[in-house]
Amino acid sequence: TADMLVDTLMLGRSQNGNNTANSAGNLLLGAGN
């Protein structure tokens, strides 16, 4: 169970500049807020 207060949640932001690299963010929640 999670109880989280967050102002800004960033999920998956890739690199600056021109490239093909990927960035992945995974947020997996059960019970809670």
PDB file of all heavy atoms in Angstrom:
ATOM      1  N   THR A   1       0.848  -1.192   0.000  1.00  0.00           N
ATOM      2  CA  THR A   1       0.000   0.000   0.000  1.00  0.00           C
ATOM      3  C   THR A   1       0.882   1.240   0.000  1.00  0.00           C
ATOM      4  O   THR A   1       1.862   1.307   0.745  1.00  0.00           O
ATOM      5  CB  THR A   1      -0.909   0.014   1.247  1.00  0.00           C
ATOM      6  OG1 THR A   1      -1.709  -1.167   1.233  1.00  0.00           O
ATOM      7  CG2 THR A   1      -1.809   1.230   1.256  1.00  0.00           C
ATOM      8  N   ALA A   2       0.530   2.205  -0.837  1.00  0.00           N
ATOM      9  CA  ALA A   2       1.292   3.455  -0.923  1.00  0.00           C
ATOM     10  C   ALA A   2       0.381   4.642  -0.645  1.00  0.00           C
ATOM     11  O   ALA A   2      -0.787   4.643  -1.027  1.00  0.00           O
ATOM     12  CB  ALA A   2       1.906   3.591  -2.310  1.00  0.00           C
ATOM     13  N   ASP A   3       0.951   5.650   0.010  1.00  0.00           N
ATOM     14  CA  ASP A   3       0.271   6.917   0.240  1.00  0.00           C
ATOM     15  C   ASP A   3       1.275   7.998  -0.145  1.00  0.00           C
ATOM     16  O   ASP A   3       2.214   8.271   0.602  1.00  0.00           O
ATOM     17  CB  ASP A   3      -0.152   7.045   1.702  1.00  0.00           C
ATOM     18  CG  ASP A   3      -0.969   8.296   1.964  1.00  0.00           C
ATOM     19  OD1 ASP A   3      -1.025   9.189   1.093  1.00  0.00           O
ATOM     20  OD2 ASP A   3      -1.548   8.391   3.059  1.00  0.00           O
ATOM     21  N   MET A   4       1.103   8.593  -1.343  1.00  0.00           N
ATOM     22  CA  MET A   4       2.103   9.501  -1.893  1.00  0.00           C
ATOM     23  C   MET A   4       1.493  10.846  -2.250  1.00  0.00           C
ATOM     24  O   MET A   4       0.481  10.904  -2.947  1.00  0.00           O
ATOM     25  CB  MET A   4       2.743   8.878  -3.136  1.00  0.00           C
ATOM     26  CG  MET A   4       3.418   7.539  -2.869  1.00  0.00           C
ATOM     27  SD  MET A   4       4.324   6.869  -4.279  1.00  0.00           S
ATOM     28  CE  MET A   4       3.020   6.526  -5.429  1.00  0.00           C
ATOM     29  N   LEU A   5       2.137  11.919  -1.791  1.00  0.00           N
ATOM     30  CA  LEU A   5       1.803  13.284  -2.184  1.00  0.00           C
ATOM     31  C   LEU A   5       2.951  13.814  -3.018  1.00  0.00           C
ATOM     32  O   LEU A   5       4.087  13.902  -2.531  1.00  0.00           O
ATOM     33  CB  LEU A   5       1.613  14.181  -0.960  1.00  0.00           C
ATOM     34  CG  LEU A   5       0.414  13.919  -0.071  1.00  0.00           C
ATOM     35  CD1 LEU A   5       0.415  14.888   1.102  1.00  0.00           C
ATOM     36  CD2 LEU A   5      -0.883  14.025  -0.853  1.00  0.00           C
ATOM     37  N   VAL A   6       2.693  14.168  -4.280  1.00  0.00           N
ATOM     38  CA  VAL A   6       3.743  14.584  -5.214  1.00  0.00           C
ATOM     39  C   VAL A   6       3.280  15.831  -5.961  1.00  0.00           C
ATOM     40  O   VAL A   6       2.138  15.887  -6.428  1.00  0.00           O
ATOM     41  CB  VAL A   6       4.052  13.451  -6.227  1.00  0.00           C
ATOM     42  CG1 VAL A   6       5.118  13.873  -7.211  1.00  0.00           C
ATOM     43  CG2 VAL A   6       4.459  12.176  -5.496  1.00  0.00           C
ATOM     44  N   ASP A   7       4.173  16.800  -6.098  1.00  0.00           N
ATOM     45  CA  ASP A   7       3.842  17.978  -6.893  1.00  0.00           C
ATOM     46  C   ASP A   7       3.946  17.641  -8.378  1.00  0.00           C
ATOM     47  O   ASP A   7       2.979  17.720  -9.105  1.00  0.00           O
ATOM     48  CB  ASP A   7       4.753  19.159  -6.525  1.00  0.00           C
ATOM     49  CG  ASP A   7       4.309  20.431  -7.215  1.00  0.00           C
ATOM     50  OD1 ASP A   7       3.090  20.643  -7.360  1.00  0.00           O
ATOM     51  OD2 ASP A   7       5.182  21.216  -7.626  1.00  0.00           O
ATOM     52  N   THR A   8       5.157  17.231  -8.854  1.00  0.00           N
ATOM     53  CA  THR A   8       5.350  16.874 -10.263  1.00  0.00           C
ATOM     54  C   THR A   8       5.852  15.442 -10.361  1.00  0.00           C
ATOM     55  O   THR A   8       6.886  15.110  -9.794  1.00  0.00           O
ATOM     56  CB  THR A   8       6.356  17.822 -10.941  1.00  0.00           C
ATOM     57  OG1 THR A   8       5.872  19.162 -10.852  1.00  0.00           O
ATOM     58  CG2 THR A   8       6.548  17.445 -12.402  1.00  0.00           C
ATOM     59  N   LEU A   9       5.118  14.619 -11.091  1.00  0.00           N
ATOM     60  CA  LEU A   9       5.506  13.243 -11.381  1.00  0.00           C
ATOM     61  C   LEU A   9       5.874  13.169 -12.849  1.00  0.00           C
ATOM     62  O   LEU A   9       5.050  13.469 -13.719  1.00  0.00           O
ATOM     63  CB  LEU A   9       4.369  12.276 -11.071  1.00  0.00           C
ATOM     64  CG  LEU A   9       4.567  10.806 -11.459  1.00  0.00           C
ATOM     65  CD1 LEU A   9       5.799  10.216 -10.797  1.00  0.00           C
ATOM     66  CD2 LEU A   9       3.338  10.003 -11.111  1.00  0.00           C
ATOM     67  N   MET A  10       7.132  12.821 -13.134  1.00  0.00           N
ATOM     68  CA  MET A  10       7.601  12.696 -14.504  1.00  0.00           C
ATOM     69  C   MET A  10       7.892  11.222 -14.764  1.00  0.00           C
ATOM     70  O   MET A  10       8.684  10.600 -14.056  1.00  0.00           O
ATOM     71  CB  MET A  10       8.866  13.521 -14.719  1.00  0.00           C
ATOM     72  CG  MET A  10       9.329  13.498 -16.145  1.00  0.00           C
ATOM     73  SD  MET A  10      10.606  14.712 -16.436  1.00  0.00           S
ATOM     74  CE  MET A  10       9.711  16.210 -16.111  1.00  0.00           C
ATOM     75  N   LEU A  11       7.228  10.682 -15.773  1.00  0.00           N
ATOM     76  CA  LEU A  11       7.329   9.260 -16.076  1.00  0.00           C
ATOM     77  C   LEU A  11       7.803   9.096 -17.512  1.00  0.00           C
ATOM     78  O   LEU A  11       7.043   9.294 -18.459  1.00  0.00           O
ATOM     79  CB  LEU A  11       5.949   8.616 -15.877  1.00  0.00           C
ATOM     80  CG  LEU A  11       5.845   7.114 -15.854  1.00  0.00           C
ATOM     81  CD1 LEU A  11       6.704   6.514 -14.752  1.00  0.00           C
ATOM     82  CD2 LEU A  11       4.390   6.707 -15.661  1.00  0.00           C
ATOM     83  N   GLY A  12       9.112   8.808 -17.685  1.00  0.00           N
ATOM     84  CA  GLY A  12       9.684   8.593 -19.009  1.00  0.00           C
ATOM     85  C   GLY A  12       9.996   9.866 -19.757  1.00  0.00           C
ATOM     86  O   GLY A  12       9.165  10.367 -20.500  1.00  0.00           O
ATOM     87  N   ARG A  13      11.191  10.413 -19.544  1.00  0.00           N
ATOM     88  CA  ARG A  13      11.640  11.596 -20.296  1.00  0.00           C
ATOM     89  C   ARG A  13      12.963  11.244 -20.955  1.00  0.00           C
ATOM     90  O   ARG A  13      13.917  10.844 -20.300  1.00  0.00           O
ATOM     91  CB  ARG A  13      11.812  12.797 -19.364  1.00  0.00           C
ATOM     92  CG  ARG A  13      12.282  14.041 -20.123  1.00  0.00           C
ATOM     93  CD  ARG A  13      12.189  15.302 -19.318  1.00  0.00           C
ATOM     94  NE  ARG A  13      13.081  15.311 -18.168  1.00  0.00           N
ATOM     95  CZ  ARG A  13      13.464  16.417 -17.540  1.00  0.00           C
ATOM     96  NH1 ARG A  13      13.017  17.599 -17.944  1.00  0.00           N
ATOM     97  NH2 ARG A  13      14.256  16.356 -16.508  1.00  0.00           N
ATOM     98  N   SER A  14      13.024  11.404 -22.267  1.00  0.00           N
ATOM     99  CA  SER A  14      14.222  10.999 -23.007  1.00  0.00           C
ATOM    100  C   SER A  14      15.282  12.087 -22.997  1.00  0.00           C
ATOM    101  O   SER A  14      15.080  13.186 -22.502  1.00  0.00           O
ATOM    102  CB  SER A  14      13.857  10.617 -24.442  1.00  0.00           C
ATOM    103  OG  SER A  14      13.368  11.747 -25.117  1.00  0.00           O
ATOM    104  N   GLN A  15      16.422  11.756 -23.589  1.00  0.00           N
ATOM    105  CA  GLN A  15      17.606  12.614 -23.563  1.00  0.00           C
ATOM    106  C   GLN A  15      17.424  13.919 -24.318  1.00  0.00           C
ATOM    107  O   GLN A  15      16.628  14.007 -25.241  1.00  0.00           O
ATOM    108  CB  GLN A  15      18.788  11.878 -24.173  1.00  0.00           C
ATOM    109  CG  GLN A  15      19.190  10.651 -23.421  1.00  0.00           C
ATOM    110  CD  GLN A  15      20.258   9.872 -24.143  1.00  0.00           C
ATOM    111  OE1 GLN A  15      20.708  10.251 -25.205  1.00  0.00           O
ATOM    112  NE2 GLN A  15      20.676   8.772 -23.567  1.00  0.00           N
ATOM    113  N   ASN A  16      18.231  14.893 -23.926  1.00  0.00           N
ATOM    114  CA  ASN A  16      18.324  16.137 -24.688  1.00  0.00           C
ATOM    115  C   ASN A  16      19.062  15.868 -25.989  1.00  0.00           C
ATOM    116  O   ASN A  16      19.896  14.982 -26.065  1.00  0.00           O
ATOM    117  CB  ASN A  16      19.092  17.194 -23.889  1.00  0.00           C
ATOM    118  CG  ASN A  16      18.367  17.606 -22.641  1.00  0.00           C
ATOM    119  OD1 ASN A  16      17.151  17.643 -22.605  1.00  0.00           O
ATOM    120  ND2 ASN A  16      19.117  17.906 -21.608  1.00  0.00           N
ATOM    121  N   GLY A  17      18.779  16.641 -26.995  1.00  0.00           N
ATOM    122  CA  GLY A  17      19.507  16.509 -28.254  1.00  0.00           C
ATOM    123  C   GLY A  17      18.867  15.528 -29.207  1.00  0.00           C
ATOM    124  O   GLY A  17      17.846  14.915 -28.929  1.00  0.00           O
ATOM    125  N   ASN A  18      19.494  15.367 -30.360  1.00  0.00           N
ATOM    126  CA  ASN A  18      18.982  14.456 -31.388  1.00  0.00           C
ATOM    127  C   ASN A  18      19.624  13.098 -31.227  1.00  0.00           C
ATOM    128  O   ASN A  18      20.822  12.942 -31.417  1.00  0.00           O
ATOM    129  CB  ASN A  18      19.292  15.008 -32.787  1.00  0.00           C
ATOM    130  CG  ASN A  18      18.541  16.287 -33.053  1.00  0.00           C
ATOM    131  OD1 ASN A  18      17.404  16.423 -32.631  1.00  0.00           O
ATOM    132  ND2 ASN A  18      19.171  17.227 -33.744  1.00  0.00           N
ATOM    133  N   ASN A  19      18.847  12.105 -30.867  1.00  0.00           N
ATOM    134  CA  ASN A  19      19.337  10.734 -30.762  1.00  0.00           C
ATOM    135  C   ASN A  19      18.145   9.804 -30.778  1.00  0.00           C
ATOM    136  O   ASN A  19      17.004  10.226 -30.749  1.00  0.00           O
ATOM    137  CB  ASN A  19      20.174  10.549 -29.496  1.00  0.00           C
ATOM    138  CG  ASN A  19      19.363  10.829 -28.251  1.00  0.00           C
ATOM    139  OD1 ASN A  19      18.463  10.059 -27.945  1.00  0.00           O
ATOM    140  ND2 ASN A  19      19.643  11.917 -27.568  1.00  0.00           N
ATOM    141  N   THR A  20      18.410   8.524 -30.796  1.00  0.00           N
ATOM    142  CA  THR A  20      17.337   7.545 -30.868  1.00  0.00           C
ATOM    143  C   THR A  20      17.180   6.758 -29.567  1.00  0.00           C
ATOM    144  O   THR A  20      16.440   5.794 -29.534  1.00  0.00           O
ATOM    145  CB  THR A  20      17.600   6.556 -32.017  1.00  0.00           C
ATOM    146  OG1 THR A  20      18.866   5.925 -31.786  1.00  0.00           O
ATOM    147  CG2 THR A  20      17.605   7.269 -33.352  1.00  0.00           C
ATOM    148  N   ALA A  21      17.887   7.140 -28.518  1.00  0.00           N
ATOM    149  CA  ALA A  21      17.784   6.422 -27.252  1.00  0.00           C
ATOM    150  C   ALA A  21      16.445   6.686 -26.586  1.00  0.00           C
ATOM    151  O   ALA A  21      15.950   7.805 -26.581  1.00  0.00           O
ATOM    152  CB  ALA A  21      18.913   6.830 -26.319  1.00  0.00           C
ATOM    153  N   ASN A  22      15.860   5.645 -26.036  1.00  0.00           N
ATOM    154  CA  ASN A  22      14.583   5.758 -25.360  1.00  0.00           C
ATOM    155  C   ASN A  22      14.773   5.743 -23.855  1.00  0.00           C
ATOM    156  O   ASN A  22      15.709   5.153 -23.342  1.00  0.00           O
ATOM    157  CB  ASN A  22      13.672   4.581 -25.743  1.00  0.00           C
ATOM    158  CG  ASN A  22      13.350   4.588 -27.207  1.00  0.00           C
ATOM    159  OD1 ASN A  22      13.117   5.644 -27.788  1.00  0.00           O
ATOM    160  ND2 ASN A  22      13.327   3.416 -27.818  1.00  0.00           N
ATOM    161  N   SER A  23      13.855   6.374 -23.175  1.00  0.00           N
ATOM    162  CA  SER A  23      13.808   6.332 -21.726  1.00  0.00           C
ATOM    163  C   SER A  23      12.424   5.852 -21.339  1.00  0.00           C
ATOM    164  O   SER A  23      11.426   6.331 -21.872  1.00  0.00           O
ATOM    165  CB  SER A  23      14.079   7.718 -21.150  1.00  0.00           C
ATOM    166  OG  SER A  23      14.069   7.669 -19.758  1.00  0.00           O
ATOM    167  N   ALA A  24      12.360   4.899 -20.417  1.00  0.00           N
ATOM    168  CA  ALA A  24      11.075   4.345 -20.014  1.00  0.00           C
ATOM    169  C   ALA A  24      10.888   4.502 -18.520  1.00  0.00           C
ATOM    170  O   ALA A  24      11.809   4.263 -17.743  1.00  0.00           O
ATOM    171  CB  ALA A  24      10.989   2.872 -20.401  1.00  0.00           C
ATOM    172  N   GLY A  25       9.695   4.896 -18.129  1.00  0.00           N
ATOM    173  CA  GLY A  25       9.337   4.977 -16.725  1.00  0.00           C
ATOM    174  C   GLY A  25       8.178   4.043 -16.447  1.00  0.00           C
ATOM    175  O   GLY A  25       7.194   4.029 -17.184  1.00  0.00           O
ATOM    176  N   ASN A  26       8.307   3.250 -15.387  1.00  0.00           N
ATOM    177  CA  ASN A  26       7.263   2.305 -15.002  1.00  0.00           C
ATOM    178  C   ASN A  26       6.787   2.629 -13.598  1.00  0.00           C
ATOM    179  O   ASN A  26       7.590   2.634 -12.660  1.00  0.00           O
ATOM    180  CB  ASN A  26       7.803   0.869 -15.022  1.00  0.00           C
ATOM    181  CG  ASN A  26       8.323   0.475 -16.380  1.00  0.00           C
ATOM    182  OD1 ASN A  26       7.605   0.555 -17.367  1.00  0.00           O
ATOM    183  ND2 ASN A  26       9.573   0.074 -16.448  1.00  0.00           N
ATOM    184  N   LEU A  27       5.517   2.899 -13.442  1.00  0.00           N
ATOM    185  CA  LEU A  27       4.906   3.128 -12.148  1.00  0.00           C
ATOM    186  C   LEU A  27       3.844   2.059 -11.961  1.00  0.00           C
ATOM    187  O   LEU A  27       2.831   2.035 -12.678  1.00  0.00           O
ATOM    188  CB  LEU A  27       4.280   4.527 -12.082  1.00  0.00           C
ATOM    189  CG  LEU A  27       3.530   4.882 -10.811  1.00  0.00           C
ATOM    190  CD1 LEU A  27       4.441   4.803  -9.593  1.00  0.00           C
ATOM    191  CD2 LEU A  27       2.899   6.261 -10.937  1.00  0.00           C
ATOM    192  N   LEU A  28       4.073   1.156 -11.023  1.00  0.00           N
ATOM    193  CA  LEU A  28       3.194   0.020 -10.799  1.00  0.00           C
ATOM    194  C   LEU A  28       2.647   0.112  -9.374  1.00  0.00           C
ATOM    195  O   LEU A  28       3.409   0.034  -8.414  1.00  0.00           O
ATOM    196  CB  LEU A  28       3.969  -1.287 -10.993  1.00  0.00           C
ATOM    197  CG  LEU A  28       4.711  -1.383 -12.337  1.00  0.00           C
ATOM    198  CD1 LEU A  28       5.769  -2.453 -12.301  1.00  0.00           C
ATOM    199  CD2 LEU A  28       3.728  -1.611 -13.452  1.00  0.00           C
ATOM    200  N   LEU A  29       1.340   0.304  -9.263  1.00  0.00           N
ATOM    201  CA  LEU A  29       0.721   0.533  -7.964  1.00  0.00           C
ATOM    202  C   LEU A  29      -0.211  -0.595  -7.577  1.00  0.00           C
ATOM    203  O   LEU A  29      -0.875  -1.180  -8.424  1.00  0.00           O
ATOM    204  CB  LEU A  29      -0.061   1.845  -7.972  1.00  0.00           C
ATOM    205  CG  LEU A  29       0.756   3.099  -8.270  1.00  0.00           C
ATOM    206  CD1 LEU A  29      -0.159   4.305  -8.436  1.00  0.00           C
ATOM    207  CD2 LEU A  29       1.778   3.341  -7.180  1.00  0.00           C
ATOM    208  N   GLY A  30      -0.258  -0.860  -6.282  1.00  0.00           N
ATOM    209  CA  GLY A  30      -1.248  -1.771  -5.712  1.00  0.00           C
ATOM    210  C   GLY A  30      -2.332  -0.918  -5.078  1.00  0.00           C
ATOM    211  O   GLY A  30      -2.920  -0.057  -5.716  1.00  0.00           O
ATOM    212  N   ALA A  31      -2.538  -1.064  -3.788  1.00  0.00           N
ATOM    213  CA  ALA A  31      -3.540  -0.294  -3.053  1.00  0.00           C
ATOM    214  C   ALA A  31      -2.961   1.039  -2.601  1.00  0.00           C
ATOM    215  O   ALA A  31      -1.752   1.221  -2.557  1.00  0.00           O
ATOM    216  CB  ALA A  31      -4.004  -1.099  -1.840  1.00  0.00           C
ATOM    217  N   GLY A  32      -3.857   1.985  -2.271  1.00  0.00           N
ATOM    218  CA  GLY A  32      -3.396   3.230  -1.681  1.00  0.00           C
ATOM    219  C   GLY A  32      -3.835   4.466  -2.429  1.00  0.00           C
ATOM    220  O   GLY A  32      -4.780   4.439  -3.212  1.00  0.00           O
ATOM    221  N   ASN A  33      -3.112   5.565  -2.174  1.00  0.00           N
ATOM    222  CA  ASN A  33      -3.430   6.869  -2.748  1.00  0.00           C
ATOM    223  C   ASN A  33      -2.215   7.466  -3.426  1.00  0.00           C
ATOM    224  O   ASN A  33      -1.115   7.446  -2.862  1.00  0.00           O
ATOM    225  CB  ASN A  33      -3.879   7.843  -1.645  1.00  0.00           C
ATOM    226  CG  ASN A  33      -5.135   7.379  -0.966  1.00  0.00           C
ATOM    227  OD1 ASN A  33      -6.132   7.119  -1.622  1.00  0.00           O
ATOM    228  ND2 ASN A  33      -5.086   7.270   0.344  1.00  0.00           N
TER     229      ASN A  33
END
